[in-house]
Protein backbone atom coordinates (compact mmCIF):
# COMPACT_ATOMS: atom_id res chain seq x y z
CA MET A 1 18.35 -5.07 6.14
CA GLN A 2 21.76 -4.21 3.93
CA THR A 3 21.66 -3.20 0.20
CA LEU A 4 24.26 -4.50 -2.32
CA PHE A 5 24.26 -0.78 -4.24
CA LYS A 6 23.12 2.49 -3.74
CA GLU A 7 20.60 4.01 -5.97
CA VAL A 8 22.19 6.71 -8.65
CA THR A 9 19.06 8.10 -9.56
CA PRO A 10 17.25 10.18 -6.63
CA LYS A 11 13.30 9.26 -5.83
CA ARG A 12 10.95 12.08 -6.92
CA TYR A 13 7.35 12.80 -5.75
CA ALA A 14 4.90 13.27 -8.86
CA ASN A 15 5.09 16.99 -8.61
CA GLY A 16 9.07 16.47 -9.30
CA ASN A 17 10.26 17.41 -6.02
CA GLU A 18 13.37 15.25 -4.87
CA MET A 19 12.54 13.14 -2.17
CA LYS A 20 15.02 13.48 0.80
CA GLU A 21 16.49 10.25 2.39
CA ASN A 22 14.95 9.31 5.98
CA SER A 23 17.59 7.34 7.58
CA SER A 24 14.89 6.62 10.51
CA ASN A 25 12.42 5.08 7.84
CA VAL A 26 14.72 2.27 6.46
CA LEU A 27 11.98 0.15 5.46
CA ASP A 28 10.28 2.52 3.65
CA GLN A 29 7.14 2.72 5.61
CA TYR A 30 4.47 5.28 4.81
CA PHE A 31 0.85 4.92 6.38
CA THR A 32 -2.10 5.74 4.93
CA LYS A 33 -5.00 7.80 6.67
CA PRO A 34 -8.03 5.44 6.95
CA SER A 35 -9.99 8.35 4.96
CA VAL A 36 -7.81 8.16 2.08
CA ALA A 37 -7.76 4.40 2.10
CA LEU A 38 -11.54 4.25 2.23
CA LYS A 39 -11.73 6.41 -1.02
CA CYS A 40 -8.93 4.59 -2.55
CA PHE A 41 -10.93 1.06 -1.91
CA GLN A 42 -14.48 2.16 -2.79
CA LYS A 43 -12.95 3.98 -6.22
CA ALA A 44 -10.75 0.36 -7.08
CA CYS A 45 -14.22 -1.28 -6.64
CA GLU A 46 -15.99 0.98 -8.36
CA VAL A 47 -13.71 0.89 -11.69
CA ILE A 48 -13.34 -3.08 -11.04
CA LYS A 49 -16.79 -3.81 -10.84
CA LYS A 50 -17.39 -2.26 -14.37
CA TYR A 51 -15.43 -5.54 -15.89
CA GLU A 52 -15.40 -8.39 -13.06
CA ASN A 53 -17.43 -9.71 -10.32
CA LEU A 54 -16.07 -8.83 -6.99
CA ASP A 55 -17.62 -11.73 -5.20
CA GLY A 56 -15.12 -14.26 -6.11
CA PHE A 57 -11.84 -11.87 -5.69
CA ILE A 58 -9.45 -12.51 -2.57
CA PHE A 59 -7.87 -9.52 -1.84
CA LEU A 60 -4.26 -9.14 -0.83
CA GLU A 61 -2.16 -6.58 0.90
CA PRO A 62 1.28 -7.05 0.47
CA SER A 63 2.16 -3.96 2.62
CA ALA A 64 -0.26 -4.16 5.58
CA GLY A 65 1.21 -2.21 8.02
CA ASP A 66 -1.27 -1.13 10.59
CA GLY A 67 -4.08 -2.82 8.24
CA VAL A 68 -6.11 0.30 7.18
CA PHE A 69 -6.55 -1.19 4.09
CA TYR A 70 -6.79 -4.51 4.79
CA ASP A 71 -9.52 -4.19 7.35
CA LEU A 72 -11.88 -2.64 4.06
CA PHE A 73 -11.30 -5.94 2.77
CA PRO A 74 -14.00 -8.45 3.12
CA LYS A 75 -13.04 -10.79 6.21
CA ASN A 76 -13.35 -14.37 4.68
CA ARG A 77 -11.55 -12.91 1.43
CA ARG A 78 -8.31 -11.42 2.66
CA ILE A 79 -4.52 -12.02 2.95
CA GLY A 80 -2.38 -9.24 4.69
CA ILE A 81 1.49 -9.65 4.95
CA ASP A 82 3.95 -7.08 6.23
CA ILE A 83 7.75 -7.13 6.82
CA GLU A 84 7.37 -5.46 9.84
CA PRO A 85 3.50 -5.53 11.21
CA LYS A 86 2.15 -2.87 13.30
């Protein structure tokens, strides 16, 4: 995949440290551990349930990768896409 420009501002982690360029990771892929995905999904559902009924939600995973988050979504209400599925 070619880019038309090079980013001038370095990317930084939340702690302020600069991210090093990883030429082997050209698609910017990062894989979440299943235990972390589960905690994130549970917390998201907990917060959303305070304001909305999740029964009608369709869950979209735009970077499905190896399906760690996608597999947590209800089977009849999920959509997963990825530029390079694993």
